[in-house]
Amino acid sequence: MIRDDLKKALVEALKTKNEKKTATIRLINAAIKDKDIEARPKGITDGIDDSAILSLLQSMVKQRKESIEMYKQGNREDLVAAEQAEIDIINEFLPQQMSEADTKAAIESIIKELNASSIKDMGKVMGALKTKYAGQMDMGSASGIIKGLLA
């Protein structure tokens, strides 16, 4: 379970006095806690599941990549390095990302499975991908591939 991995990593980071890793893991835990609180009115009292945590981690990486682009434009290499360090730490808790070819094969399989035939079916395909491959593929690039296949 990802929560257990985060707890172990936090204890290890505290023991080794790795301040950057400690701060980043605490940031991840805070984001998870926010999502847990958001889920309570929906009847989810045990906290969000691993697939939701993986999606959260992916969005955290995406946010940092966007920040890096802005920092590069502003010529702030110090901030670029800090954001990249956070990305590296967050990626430790994400599964190996699927290659472009594997992503396309998975999308083709889901399209066939759902009998999707037009761009109107894109939402169903994206939903199935998020359920089946949470944290394993970049949903932004997957979206482009789906559009190409369904157009």
C-alpha atoms as a PDB file:
ATOM      1  CA  MET A   1       0.000   0.000   0.000  1.00  0.00           C
ATOM      2  CA  ILE A   2       1.299   3.432  -0.891  1.00  0.00           C
ATOM      3  CA  ARG A   3       0.481   4.913   2.517  1.00  0.00           C
ATOM      4  CA  ASP A   4       2.720   2.322   4.183  1.00  0.00           C
ATOM      5  CA  ASP A   5       5.536   3.056   1.734  1.00  0.00           C
ATOM      6  CA  LEU A   6       5.217   6.760   2.507  1.00  0.00           C
ATOM      7  CA  LYS A   7       5.347   6.129   6.277  1.00  0.00           C
ATOM      8  CA  LYS A   8       8.467   3.979   5.953  1.00  0.00           C
ATOM      9  CA  ALA A   9      10.134   6.507   3.652  1.00  0.00           C
ATOM     10  CA  LEU A  10       9.325   9.356   6.046  1.00  0.00           C
ATOM     11  CA  VAL A  11      10.838   7.510   9.006  1.00  0.00           C
ATOM     12  CA  GLU A  12      13.943   6.730   6.938  1.00  0.00           C
ATOM     13  CA  ALA A  13      14.234  10.347   5.750  1.00  0.00           C
ATOM     14  CA  LEU A  14      13.944  11.587   9.317  1.00  0.00           C
ATOM     15  CA  LYS A  15      16.605   9.131  10.525  1.00  0.00           C
ATOM     16  CA  THR A  16      19.041  10.139   7.788  1.00  0.00           C
ATOM     17  CA  LYS A  17      18.188  13.831   8.251  1.00  0.00           C
ATOM     18  CA  ASN A  18      17.294  14.184   4.561  1.00  0.00           C
ATOM     19  CA  GLU A  19      15.409  17.473   4.839  1.00  0.00           C
ATOM     20  CA  LYS A  20      14.269  17.687   1.197  1.00  0.00           C
ATOM     21  CA  LYS A  21      12.840  14.185   1.201  1.00  0.00           C
ATOM     22  CA  THR A  22      11.198  14.718   4.599  1.00  0.00           C
ATOM     23  CA  ALA A  23       9.551  17.946   3.420  1.00  0.00           C
ATOM     24  CA  THR A  24       8.359  16.408   0.150  1.00  0.00           C
ATOM     25  CA  ILE A  25       6.874  13.327   1.819  1.00  0.00           C
ATOM     26  CA  ARG A  26       5.108  15.551   4.331  1.00  0.00           C
ATOM     27  CA  LEU A  27       3.739  17.556   1.406  1.00  0.00           C
ATOM     28  CA  ILE A  28       2.463  14.340  -0.201  1.00  0.00           C
ATOM     29  CA  ASN A  29       0.868  13.225   3.080  1.00  0.00           C
ATOM     30  CA  ALA A  30      -0.846  16.610   3.477  1.00  0.00           C
ATOM     31  CA  ALA A  31      -2.263  16.372  -0.053  1.00  0.00           C
ATOM     32  CA  ILE A  32      -3.526  12.841   0.656  1.00  0.00           C
ATOM     33  CA  LYS A  33      -5.122  14.010   3.900  1.00  0.00           C
ATOM     34  CA  ASP A  34      -6.896  16.818   2.005  1.00  0.00           C
ATOM     35  CA  LYS A  35      -8.265  14.254  -0.480  1.00  0.00           C
ATOM     36  CA  ASP A  36      -9.323  11.988   2.416  1.00  0.00           C
ATOM     37  CA  ILE A  37     -11.281  14.875   3.931  1.00  0.00           C
ATOM     38  CA  GLU A  38     -12.842  15.698   0.540  1.00  0.00           C
ATOM     39  CA  ALA A  39     -13.980  12.082   0.200  1.00  0.00           C
ATOM     40  CA  ARG A  40     -15.774  11.874   3.561  1.00  0.00           C
ATOM     41  CA  PRO A  41     -19.069  13.438   2.396  1.00  0.00           C
ATOM     42  CA  LYS A  42     -19.116  10.846  -0.408  1.00  0.00           C
ATOM     43  CA  GLY A  43     -19.152   8.070   2.198  1.00  0.00           C
ATOM     44  CA  ILE A  44     -15.469   7.162   1.914  1.00  0.00           C
ATOM     45  CA  THR A  45     -14.449   7.148   5.575  1.00  0.00           C
ATOM     46  CA  ASP A  46     -11.332   4.961   5.302  1.00  0.00           C
ATOM     47  CA  GLY A  47      -9.517   7.445   3.056  1.00  0.00           C
ATOM     48  CA  ILE A  48      -8.873   7.393  -0.648  1.00  0.00           C
ATOM     49  CA  ASP A  49      -7.613   4.208  -2.294  1.00  0.00           C
ATOM     50  CA  ASP A  50      -4.250   3.595  -3.950  1.00  0.00           C
ATOM     51  CA  SER A  51      -5.477   4.455  -7.454  1.00  0.00           C
ATOM     52  CA  ALA A  52      -6.648   7.874  -6.222  1.00  0.00           C
ATOM     53  CA  ILE A  53      -3.300   8.372  -4.482  1.00  0.00           C
ATOM     54  CA  LEU A  54      -1.479   7.486  -7.713  1.00  0.00           C
ATOM     55  CA  SER A  55      -3.571  10.022  -9.617  1.00  0.00           C
ATOM     56  CA  LEU A  56      -2.779  12.611  -6.958  1.00  0.00           C
ATOM     57  CA  LEU A  57       0.953  11.883  -7.215  1.00  0.00           C
ATOM     58  CA  GLN A  58       0.806  12.181 -11.000  1.00  0.00           C
ATOM     59  CA  SER A  59      -0.904  15.549 -10.763  1.00  0.00           C
ATOM     60  CA  MET A  60       1.742  16.692  -8.263  1.00  0.00           C
ATOM     61  CA  VAL A  61       4.447  15.752 -10.771  1.00  0.00           C
ATOM     62  CA  LYS A  62       2.562  17.538 -13.550  1.00  0.00           C
ATOM     63  CA  GLN A  63       2.280  20.708 -11.433  1.00  0.00           C
ATOM     64  CA  ARG A  64       6.003  20.662 -10.766  1.00  0.00           C
ATOM     65  CA  LYS A  65       6.824  20.163 -14.442  1.00  0.00           C
ATOM     66  CA  GLU A  66       4.700  23.197 -15.284  1.00  0.00           C
ATOM     67  CA  SER A  67       6.498  25.177 -12.583  1.00  0.00           C
ATOM     68  CA  ILE A  68       9.858  24.122 -14.008  1.00  0.00           C
ATOM     69  CA  GLU A  69       8.877  25.500 -17.416  1.00  0.00           C
ATOM     70  CA  MET A  70       7.939  28.841 -15.867  1.00  0.00           C
ATOM     71  CA  TYR A  71      11.113  28.960 -13.776  1.00  0.00           C
ATOM     72  CA  LYS A  72      13.219  28.239 -16.857  1.00  0.00           C
ATOM     73  CA  GLN A  73      11.566  31.146 -18.646  1.00  0.00           C
ATOM     74  CA  GLY A  74      12.339  33.323 -15.631  1.00  0.00           C
ATOM     75  CA  ASN A  75      15.936  32.066 -15.596  1.00  0.00           C
ATOM     76  CA  ARG A  76      15.616  30.700 -12.036  1.00  0.00           C
ATOM     77  CA  GLU A  77      17.790  27.593 -12.168  1.00  0.00           C
ATOM     78  CA  ASP A  78      17.816  27.337  -8.359  1.00  0.00           C
ATOM     79  CA  LEU A  79      14.044  26.860  -8.340  1.00  0.00           C
ATOM     80  CA  VAL A  80      14.204  24.484 -11.313  1.00  0.00           C
ATOM     81  CA  ALA A  81      16.586  22.262  -9.334  1.00  0.00           C
ATOM     82  CA  ALA A  82      14.325  22.331  -6.264  1.00  0.00           C
ATOM     83  CA  GLU A  83      11.242  21.357  -8.277  1.00  0.00           C
ATOM     84  CA  GLN A  84      13.147  18.586 -10.082  1.00  0.00           C
ATOM     85  CA  ALA A  85      14.298  17.190  -6.733  1.00  0.00           C
ATOM     86  CA  GLU A  86      10.663  17.023  -5.603  1.00  0.00           C
ATOM     87  CA  ILE A  87       9.672  15.280  -8.839  1.00  0.00           C
ATOM     88  CA  ASP A  88      12.411  12.692  -8.286  1.00  0.00           C
ATOM     89  CA  ILE A  89      11.147  11.997  -4.759  1.00  0.00           C
ATOM     90  CA  ILE A  90       7.483  11.775  -5.832  1.00  0.00           C
ATOM     91  CA  ASN A  91       8.432   9.415  -8.681  1.00  0.00           C
ATOM     92  CA  GLU A  92       9.808   6.960  -6.101  1.00  0.00           C
ATOM     93  CA  PHE A  93       6.199   6.229  -5.120  1.00  0.00           C
ATOM     94  CA  LEU A  94       4.831   5.933  -8.657  1.00  0.00           C
ATOM     95  CA  PRO A  95       4.984   2.690 -10.637  1.00  0.00           C
ATOM     96  CA  GLN A  96       7.174   2.499 -13.720  1.00  0.00           C
ATOM     97  CA  GLN A  97       5.602   4.611 -16.477  1.00  0.00           C
ATOM     98  CA  MET A  98       4.419   2.788 -19.588  1.00  0.00           C
ATOM     99  CA  SER A  99       6.280   3.367 -22.831  1.00  0.00           C
ATOM    100  CA  GLU A 100       4.605   5.132 -25.768  1.00  0.00           C
ATOM    101  CA  ALA A 101       4.100   1.779 -27.559  1.00  0.00           C
ATOM    102  CA  ASP A 102       2.645   0.103 -24.451  1.00  0.00           C
ATOM    103  CA  THR A 103       0.356   3.082 -23.887  1.00  0.00           C
ATOM    104  CA  LYS A 104      -0.954   2.904 -27.452  1.00  0.00           C
ATOM    105  CA  ALA A 105      -1.481  -0.866 -27.185  1.00  0.00           C
ATOM    106  CA  ALA A 106      -3.394  -0.448 -23.899  1.00  0.00           C
ATOM    107  CA  ILE A 107      -5.572   2.278 -25.422  1.00  0.00           C
ATOM    108  CA  GLU A 108      -6.326   0.171 -28.503  1.00  0.00           C
ATOM    109  CA  SER A 109      -7.268  -2.723 -26.223  1.00  0.00           C
ATOM    110  CA  ILE A 110      -9.656  -0.555 -24.162  1.00  0.00           C
ATOM    111  CA  ILE A 111     -11.207   0.941 -27.323  1.00  0.00           C
ATOM    112  CA  LYS A 112     -11.854  -2.575 -28.647  1.00  0.00           C
ATOM    113  CA  GLU A 113     -13.143  -3.739 -25.246  1.00  0.00           C
ATOM    114  CA  LEU A 114     -15.625  -0.838 -25.006  1.00  0.00           C
ATOM    115  CA  ASN A 115     -16.527  -0.897 -28.728  1.00  0.00           C
ATOM    116  CA  ALA A 116     -15.681   2.799 -28.847  1.00  0.00           C
ATOM    117  CA  SER A 117     -16.051   4.166 -32.343  1.00  0.00           C
ATOM    118  CA  SER A 118     -16.210   7.945 -32.198  1.00  0.00           C
ATOM    119  CA  ILE A 119     -14.815  10.910 -30.309  1.00  0.00           C
ATOM    120  CA  LYS A 120     -18.049  10.857 -28.259  1.00  0.00           C
ATOM    121  CA  ASP A 121     -16.727   7.712 -26.544  1.00  0.00           C
ATOM    122  CA  MET A 122     -13.532   9.437 -25.395  1.00  0.00           C
ATOM    123  CA  GLY A 123     -14.825   9.965 -21.834  1.00  0.00           C
ATOM    124  CA  LYS A 124     -15.585   6.261 -21.406  1.00  0.00           C
ATOM    125  CA  VAL A 125     -12.148   5.303 -22.728  1.00  0.00           C
ATOM    126  CA  MET A 126     -10.359   7.828 -20.461  1.00  0.00           C
ATOM    127  CA  GLY A 127     -12.358   6.597 -17.447  1.00  0.00           C
ATOM    128  CA  ALA A 128     -11.419   2.990 -18.141  1.00  0.00           C
ATOM    129  CA  LEU A 129      -7.766   3.931 -18.595  1.00  0.00           C
ATOM    130  CA  LYS A 130      -7.689   5.857 -15.316  1.00  0.00           C
ATOM    131  CA  THR A 131      -9.210   2.882 -13.498  1.00  0.00           C
ATOM    132  CA  LYS A 132      -6.999   0.222 -15.058  1.00  0.00           C
ATOM    133  CA  TYR A 133      -3.706   2.077 -15.481  1.00  0.00           C
ATOM    134  CA  ALA A 134      -3.723   4.702 -12.699  1.00  0.00           C
ATOM    135  CA  GLY A 135      -0.240   6.069 -12.180  1.00  0.00           C
ATOM    136  CA  GLN A 136       1.258   4.022 -14.993  1.00  0.00           C
ATOM    137  CA  MET A 137       0.633   6.289 -17.963  1.00  0.00           C
ATOM    138  CA  ASP A 138       0.625   9.984 -18.738  1.00  0.00           C
ATOM    139  CA  MET A 139      -3.059  10.758 -19.246  1.00  0.00           C
ATOM    140  CA  GLY A 140      -2.220  13.920 -21.203  1.00  0.00           C
ATOM    141  CA  SER A 141      -0.420  12.019 -23.936  1.00  0.00           C
ATOM    142  CA  ALA A 142      -3.000   9.228 -23.715  1.00  0.00           C
ATOM    143  CA  SER A 143      -5.699  11.780 -24.487  1.00  0.00           C
ATOM    144  CA  GLY A 144      -3.933  12.760 -27.708  1.00  0.00           C
ATOM    145  CA  ILE A 145      -3.540   9.130 -28.755  1.00  0.00           C
ATOM    146  CA  ILE A 146      -7.229   8.438 -28.085  1.00  0.00           C
ATOM    147  CA  LYS A 147      -8.276  11.445 -30.176  1.00  0.00           C
ATOM    148  CA  GLY A 148      -6.090  10.193 -33.021  1.00  0.00           C
ATOM    149  CA  LEU A 149      -7.530   6.677 -32.862  1.00  0.00           C
ATOM    150  CA  LEU A 150     -11.177   7.720 -32.558  1.00  0.00           C
ATOM    151  CA  ALA A 151     -11.118  10.556 -35.102  1.00  0.00           C
END
